[in-house]
Amino acid sequence: MARQWQHCKLEGSRVTFLGAAGVFENKADAHLGRRSAWSDLEDEGWELVSVVTDPEGELTFFFKRPAPSGA
């Protein structure tokens, strides 16, 4: 059986979770600083997989983690 993954991205201090049924935001993370958001993602088992730079030089970080069983 193939492993299922959850995905999210971090732009500045905003964490956006990329769900199978579309995109949804975790409003609780919107007020966190970049360092705090990054730390929380690491603590929750998220693994950095990619970084993209936009034309203005801003970074967007993409993460994944194994989906819980039965998800």
PDB file of N, CA and C in Angstrom:
ATOM      1  N   MET A   1       0.850  -1.177   0.000  1.00  0.00           N
ATOM      2  CA  MET A   1       0.000   0.000   0.000  1.00  0.00           C
ATOM      3  C   MET A   1       0.899   1.244   0.000  1.00  0.00           C
ATOM      4  N   ALA A   2       0.566   2.194  -0.842  1.00  0.00           N
ATOM      5  CA  ALA A   2       1.360   3.418  -0.950  1.00  0.00           C
ATOM      6  C   ALA A   2       1.139   4.319   0.262  1.00  0.00           C
ATOM      7  N   ARG A   3       2.205   4.959   0.679  1.00  0.00           N
ATOM      8  CA  ARG A   3       2.126   5.888   1.813  1.00  0.00           C
ATOM      9  C   ARG A   3       1.386   7.152   1.370  1.00  0.00           C
ATOM     10  N   GLN A   4       0.512   7.639   2.220  1.00  0.00           N
ATOM     11  CA  GLN A   4      -0.226   8.874   1.970  1.00  0.00           C
ATOM     12  C   GLN A   4       0.480  10.017   2.685  1.00  0.00           C
ATOM     13  N   TRP A   5       0.493  11.197   2.080  1.00  0.00           N
ATOM     14  CA  TRP A   5       1.185  12.358   2.632  1.00  0.00           C
ATOM     15  C   TRP A   5       0.243  13.538   2.804  1.00  0.00           C
ATOM     16  N   GLN A   6       0.533  14.362   3.798  1.00  0.00           N
ATOM     17  CA  GLN A   6      -0.105  15.661   3.948  1.00  0.00           C
ATOM     18  C   GLN A   6       0.924  16.690   3.493  1.00  0.00           C
ATOM     19  N   HIS A   7       0.432  17.803   2.947  1.00  0.00           N
ATOM     20  CA  HIS A   7       1.336  18.843   2.460  1.00  0.00           C
ATOM     21  C   HIS A   7       0.892  20.211   2.967  1.00  0.00           C
ATOM     22  N   CYS A   8       1.875  21.107   3.160  1.00  0.00           N
ATOM     23  CA  CYS A   8       1.569  22.479   3.523  1.00  0.00           C
ATOM     24  C   CYS A   8       2.673  23.379   2.991  1.00  0.00           C
ATOM     25  N   LYS A   9       2.416  24.678   3.030  1.00  0.00           N
ATOM     26  CA  LYS A   9       3.443  25.642   2.640  1.00  0.00           C
ATOM     27  C   LYS A   9       3.494  26.756   3.675  1.00  0.00           C
ATOM     28  N   LEU A  10       4.677  27.357   3.795  1.00  0.00           N
ATOM     29  CA  LEU A  10       4.907  28.460   4.716  1.00  0.00           C
ATOM     30  C   LEU A  10       5.362  29.653   3.889  1.00  0.00           C
ATOM     31  N   GLU A  11       4.562  30.713   3.909  1.00  0.00           N
ATOM     32  CA  GLU A  11       4.893  31.975   3.246  1.00  0.00           C
ATOM     33  C   GLU A  11       4.942  33.044   4.327  1.00  0.00           C
ATOM     34  N   GLY A  12       6.128  33.578   4.604  1.00  0.00           N
ATOM     35  CA  GLY A  12       6.264  34.518   5.714  1.00  0.00           C
ATOM     36  C   GLY A  12       5.920  33.809   7.001  1.00  0.00           C
ATOM     37  N   SER A  13       4.848  34.241   7.670  1.00  0.00           N
ATOM     38  CA  SER A  13       4.400  33.568   8.892  1.00  0.00           C
ATOM     39  C   SER A  13       3.074  32.854   8.673  1.00  0.00           C
ATOM     40  N   ARG A  14       2.644  32.735   7.430  1.00  0.00           N
ATOM     41  CA  ARG A  14       1.350  32.134   7.109  1.00  0.00           C
ATOM     42  C   ARG A  14       1.523  30.690   6.657  1.00  0.00           C
ATOM     43  N   VAL A  15       0.900  29.779   7.370  1.00  0.00           N
ATOM     44  CA  VAL A  15       0.922  28.363   7.027  1.00  0.00           C
ATOM     45  C   VAL A  15      -0.383  28.040   6.304  1.00  0.00           C
ATOM     46  N   THR A  16      -0.263  27.446   5.116  1.00  0.00           N
ATOM     47  CA  THR A  16      -1.426  27.017   4.344  1.00  0.00           C
ATOM     48  C   THR A  16      -1.321  25.519   4.143  1.00  0.00           C
ATOM     49  N   PHE A  17      -2.342  24.785   4.566  1.00  0.00           N
ATOM     50  CA  PHE A  17      -2.359  23.344   4.416  1.00  0.00           C
ATOM     51  C   PHE A  17      -3.012  22.986   3.099  1.00  0.00           C
ATOM     52  N   LEU A  18      -2.368  22.093   2.348  1.00  0.00           N
ATOM     53  CA  LEU A  18      -2.827  21.699   1.029  1.00  0.00           C
ATOM     54  C   LEU A  18      -3.490  20.336   1.163  1.00  0.00           C
ATOM     55  N   GLY A  19      -4.804  20.340   1.311  1.00  0.00           N
ATOM     56  CA  GLY A  19      -5.558  19.111   1.532  1.00  0.00           C
ATOM     57  C   GLY A  19      -5.967  18.455   0.230  1.00  0.00           C
ATOM     58  N   ALA A  20      -6.321  17.198   0.314  1.00  0.00           N
ATOM     59  CA  ALA A  20      -6.749  16.446  -0.861  1.00  0.00           C
ATOM     60  C   ALA A  20      -7.998  17.061  -1.484  1.00  0.00           C
ATOM     61  N   ALA A  21      -8.841  17.692  -0.675  1.00  0.00           N
ATOM     62  CA  ALA A  21     -10.073  18.288  -1.177  1.00  0.00           C
ATOM     63  C   ALA A  21      -9.898  19.772  -1.489  1.00  0.00           C
ATOM     64  N   GLY A  22      -8.668  20.266  -1.490  1.00  0.00           N
ATOM     65  CA  GLY A  22      -8.427  21.676  -1.772  1.00  0.00           C
ATOM     66  C   GLY A  22      -7.523  22.303  -0.739  1.00  0.00           C
ATOM     67  N   VAL A  23      -7.442  23.609  -0.780  1.00  0.00           N
ATOM     68  CA  VAL A  23      -6.550  24.342   0.109  1.00  0.00           C
ATOM     69  C   VAL A  23      -7.360  24.911   1.268  1.00  0.00           C
ATOM     70  N   PHE A  24      -6.824  24.809   2.469  1.00  0.00           N
ATOM     71  CA  PHE A  24      -7.464  25.443   3.616  1.00  0.00           C
ATOM     72  C   PHE A  24      -6.384  26.013   4.513  1.00  0.00           C
ATOM     73  N   GLU A  25      -6.692  27.066   5.217  1.00  0.00           N
ATOM     74  CA  GLU A  25      -5.721  27.736   6.073  1.00  0.00           C
ATOM     75  C   GLU A  25      -5.942  27.370   7.525  1.00  0.00           C
ATOM     76  N   ASN A  26      -4.847  27.315   8.254  1.00  0.00           N
ATOM     77  CA  ASN A  26      -4.909  27.155   9.697  1.00  0.00           C
ATOM     78  C   ASN A  26      -4.856  28.565  10.287  1.00  0.00           C
ATOM     79  N   LYS A  27      -5.992  29.132  10.607  1.00  0.00           N
ATOM     80  CA  LYS A  27      -6.063  30.509  11.081  1.00  0.00           C
ATOM     81  C   LYS A  27      -5.240  30.711  12.356  1.00  0.00           C
ATOM     82  N   ALA A  28      -5.067  29.669  13.159  1.00  0.00           N
ATOM     83  CA  ALA A  28      -4.311  29.794  14.403  1.00  0.00           C
ATOM     84  C   ALA A  28      -2.842  30.114  14.135  1.00  0.00           C
ATOM     85  N   ASP A  29      -2.315  29.717  12.978  1.00  0.00           N
ATOM     86  CA  ASP A  29      -0.915  29.951  12.678  1.00  0.00           C
ATOM     87  C   ASP A  29      -0.668  31.321  12.055  1.00  0.00           C
ATOM     88  N   ALA A  30      -1.696  32.024  11.645  1.00  0.00           N
ATOM     89  CA  ALA A  30      -1.543  33.273  10.906  1.00  0.00           C
ATOM     90  C   ALA A  30      -0.825  34.354  11.713  1.00  0.00           C
ATOM     91  N   HIS A  31      -0.953  34.331  13.035  1.00  0.00           N
ATOM     92  CA  HIS A  31      -0.354  35.371  13.866  1.00  0.00           C
ATOM     93  C   HIS A  31       1.077  35.056  14.305  1.00  0.00           C
ATOM     94  N   LEU A  32       1.577  33.872  14.012  1.00  0.00           N
ATOM     95  CA  LEU A  32       2.899  33.471  14.464  1.00  0.00           C
ATOM     96  C   LEU A  32       4.001  34.132  13.641  1.00  0.00           C
ATOM     97  N   GLY A  33       5.138  34.361  14.251  1.00  0.00           N
ATOM     98  CA  GLY A  33       6.293  34.821  13.502  1.00  0.00           C
ATOM     99  C   GLY A  33       6.854  33.681  12.682  1.00  0.00           C
ATOM    100  N   ARG A  34       7.722  33.993  11.721  1.00  0.00           N
ATOM    101  CA  ARG A  34       8.276  32.954  10.855  1.00  0.00           C
ATOM    102  C   ARG A  34       8.999  31.882  11.672  1.00  0.00           C
ATOM    103  N   ARG A  35       9.807  32.294  12.636  1.00  0.00           N
ATOM    104  CA  ARG A  35      10.569  31.324  13.446  1.00  0.00           C
ATOM    105  C   ARG A  35       9.630  30.424  14.227  1.00  0.00           C
ATOM    106  N   SER A  36       8.595  30.998  14.823  1.00  0.00           N
ATOM    107  CA  SER A  36       7.644  30.216  15.599  1.00  0.00           C
ATOM    108  C   SER A  36       6.865  29.252  14.702  1.00  0.00           C
ATOM    109  N   ALA A  37       6.436  29.721  13.536  1.00  0.00           N
ATOM    110  CA  ALA A  37       5.701  28.862  12.601  1.00  0.00           C
ATOM    111  C   ALA A  37       6.582  27.698  12.161  1.00  0.00           C
ATOM    112  N   TRP A  38       7.849  28.000  11.827  1.00  0.00           N
ATOM    113  CA  TRP A  38       8.793  26.962  11.406  1.00  0.00           C
ATOM    114  C   TRP A  38       8.979  25.933  12.515  1.00  0.00           C
ATOM    115  N   SER A  39       9.178  26.404  13.735  1.00  0.00           N
ATOM    116  CA  SER A  39       9.379  25.526  14.886  1.00  0.00           C
ATOM    117  C   SER A  39       8.154  24.636  15.114  1.00  0.00           C
ATOM    118  N   ASP A  40       6.962  25.220  15.019  1.00  0.00           N
ATOM    119  CA  ASP A  40       5.735  24.446  15.206  1.00  0.00           C
ATOM    120  C   ASP A  40       5.610  23.358  14.146  1.00  0.00           C
ATOM    121  N   LEU A  41       5.947  23.687  12.895  1.00  0.00           N
ATOM    122  CA  LEU A  41       5.879  22.686  11.831  1.00  0.00           C
ATOM    123  C   LEU A  41       6.836  21.530  12.116  1.00  0.00           C
ATOM    124  N   GLU A  42       8.050  21.843  12.522  1.00  0.00           N
ATOM    125  CA  GLU A  42       9.018  20.791  12.861  1.00  0.00           C
ATOM    126  C   GLU A  42       8.504  19.931  14.012  1.00  0.00           C
ATOM    127  N   ASP A  43       7.948  20.572  15.041  1.00  0.00           N
ATOM    128  CA  ASP A  43       7.440  19.847  16.207  1.00  0.00           C
ATOM    129  C   ASP A  43       6.282  18.918  15.839  1.00  0.00           C
ATOM    130  N   GLU A  44       5.548  19.266  14.781  1.00  0.00           N
ATOM    131  CA  GLU A  44       4.392  18.471  14.355  1.00  0.00           C
ATOM    132  C   GLU A  44       4.767  17.437  13.298  1.00  0.00           C
ATOM    133  N   GLY A  45       6.064  17.252  13.043  1.00  0.00           N
ATOM    134  CA  GLY A  45       6.507  16.196  12.138  1.00  0.00           C
ATOM    135  C   GLY A  45       6.597  16.564  10.671  1.00  0.00           C
ATOM    136  N   TRP A  46       6.503  17.859  10.332  1.00  0.00           N
ATOM    137  CA  TRP A  46       6.599  18.285   8.941  1.00  0.00           C
ATOM    138  C   TRP A  46       8.055  18.274   8.492  1.00  0.00           C
ATOM    139  N   GLU A  47       8.293  17.862   7.249  1.00  0.00           N
ATOM    140  CA  GLU A  47       9.625  17.753   6.660  1.00  0.00           C
ATOM    141  C   GLU A  47       9.710  18.686   5.447  1.00  0.00           C
ATOM    142  N   LEU A  48      10.732  19.522   5.412  1.00  0.00           N
ATOM    143  CA  LEU A  48      10.928  20.440   4.289  1.00  0.00           C
ATOM    144  C   LEU A  48      11.254  19.646   3.036  1.00  0.00           C
ATOM    145  N   VAL A  49      10.553  19.944   1.921  1.00  0.00           N
ATOM    146  CA  VAL A  49      10.813  19.232   0.673  1.00  0.00           C
ATOM    147  C   VAL A  49      11.211  20.149  -0.474  1.00  0.00           C
ATOM    148  N   SER A  50      10.854  21.446  -0.386  1.00  0.00           N
ATOM    149  CA  SER A  50      11.165  22.347  -1.485  1.00  0.00           C
ATOM    150  C   SER A  50      11.069  23.798  -1.036  1.00  0.00           C
ATOM    151  N   VAL A  51      11.842  24.659  -1.706  1.00  0.00           N
ATOM    152  CA  VAL A  51      11.784  26.098  -1.469  1.00  0.00           C
ATOM    153  C   VAL A  51      11.686  26.774  -2.832  1.00  0.00           C
ATOM    154  N   VAL A  52      10.755  27.724  -2.959  1.00  0.00           N
ATOM    155  CA  VAL A  52      10.548  28.458  -4.205  1.00  0.00           C
ATOM    156  C   VAL A  52      10.704  29.944  -3.918  1.00  0.00           C
ATOM    157  N   THR A  53      11.374  30.659  -4.821  1.00  0.00           N
ATOM    158  CA  THR A  53      11.538  32.108  -4.708  1.00  0.00           C
ATOM    159  C   THR A  53      10.643  32.790  -5.726  1.00  0.00           C
ATOM    160  N   ASP A  54       9.855  33.792  -5.282  1.00  0.00           N
ATOM    161  CA  ASP A  54       9.015  34.539  -6.216  1.00  0.00           C
ATOM    162  C   ASP A  54       9.838  35.673  -6.844  1.00  0.00           C
ATOM    163  N   PRO A  55       9.281  36.409  -7.810  1.00  0.00           N
ATOM    164  CA  PRO A  55      10.033  37.474  -8.488  1.00  0.00           C
ATOM    165  C   PRO A  55      10.552  38.573  -7.551  1.00  0.00           C
ATOM    166  N   GLU A  56       9.912  38.770  -6.406  1.00  0.00           N
ATOM    167  CA  GLU A  56      10.353  39.787  -5.441  1.00  0.00           C
ATOM    168  C   GLU A  56      11.407  39.245  -4.479  1.00  0.00           C
ATOM    169  N   GLY A  57      11.768  37.968  -4.616  1.00  0.00           N
ATOM    170  CA  GLY A  57      12.771  37.374  -3.743  1.00  0.00           C
ATOM    171  C   GLY A  57      12.225  36.764  -2.468  1.00  0.00           C
ATOM    172  N   GLU A  58      10.904  36.747  -2.307  1.00  0.00           N
ATOM    173  CA  GLU A  58      10.294  36.137  -1.123  1.00  0.00           C
ATOM    174  C   GLU A  58      10.312  34.616  -1.262  1.00  0.00           C
ATOM    175  N   LEU A  59      10.574  33.942  -0.162  1.00  0.00           N
ATOM    176  CA  LEU A  59      10.654  32.482  -0.163  1.00  0.00           C
ATOM    177  C   LEU A  59       9.345  31.849   0.275  1.00  0.00           C
ATOM    178  N   THR A  60       8.996  30.739  -0.385  1.00  0.00           N
ATOM    179  CA  THR A  60       7.877  29.895   0.029  1.00  0.00           C
ATOM    180  C   THR A  60       8.452  28.512   0.278  1.00  0.00           C
ATOM    181  N   PHE A  61       8.189  27.974   1.467  1.00  0.00           N
ATOM    182  CA  PHE A  61       8.715  26.675   1.871  1.00  0.00           C
ATOM    183  C   PHE A  61       7.582  25.653   1.802  1.00  0.00           C
ATOM    184  N   PHE A  62       7.843  24.499   1.199  1.00  0.00           N
ATOM    185  CA  PHE A  62       6.861  23.434   1.093  1.00  0.00           C
ATOM    186  C   PHE A  62       7.296  22.258   1.964  1.00  0.00           C
ATOM    187  N   PHE A  63       6.327  21.696   2.698  1.00  0.00           N
ATOM    188  CA  PHE A  63       6.580  20.615   3.641  1.00  0.00           C
ATOM    189  C   PHE A  63       5.645  19.433   3.374  1.00  0.00           C
ATOM    190  N   LYS A  64       6.050  18.272   3.872  1.00  0.00           N
ATOM    191  CA  LYS A  64       5.173  17.088   3.850  1.00  0.00           C
ATOM    192  C   LYS A  64       5.371  16.328   5.148  1.00  0.00           C
ATOM    193  N   ARG A  65       4.380  15.503   5.467  1.00  0.00           N
ATOM    194  CA  ARG A  65       4.478  14.553   6.583  1.00  0.00           C
ATOM    195  C   ARG A  65       3.544  13.390   6.282  1.00  0.00           C
ATOM    196  N   PRO A  66       3.834  12.224   6.854  1.00  0.00           N
ATOM    197  CA  PRO A  66       2.942  11.094   6.644  1.00  0.00           C
ATOM    198  C   PRO A  66       1.546  11.405   7.196  1.00  0.00           C
ATOM    199  N   ALA A  67       0.544  11.039   6.417  1.00  0.00           N
ATOM    200  CA  ALA A  67      -0.846  11.210   6.865  1.00  0.00           C
ATOM    201  C   ALA A  67      -1.135  10.195   7.963  1.00  0.00           C
ATOM    202  N   PRO A  68      -1.963  10.572   8.934  1.00  0.00           N
ATOM    203  CA  PRO A  68      -2.334   9.610   9.974  1.00  0.00           C
ATOM    204  C   PRO A  68      -3.038   8.401   9.357  1.00  0.00           C
ATOM    205  N   SER A  69      -2.939   7.270   9.979  1.00  0.00           N
ATOM    206  CA  SER A  69      -3.617   6.063   9.494  1.00  0.00           C
ATOM    207  C   SER A  69      -5.102   6.321   9.386  1.00  0.00           C
ATOM    208  N   GLY A  70      -5.677   5.867   8.281  1.00  0.00           N
ATOM    209  CA  GLY A  70      -7.114   6.038   8.069  1.00  0.00           C
ATOM    210  C   GLY A  70      -7.493   7.378   7.496  1.00  0.00           C
ATOM    211  N   ALA A  71      -6.508   8.265   7.188  1.00  0.00           N
ATOM    212  CA  ALA A  71      -6.810   9.596   6.624  1.00  0.00           C
ATOM    213  C   ALA A  71      -6.961   9.519   5.142  1.00  0.00           C
TER     214      ALA A  71
END
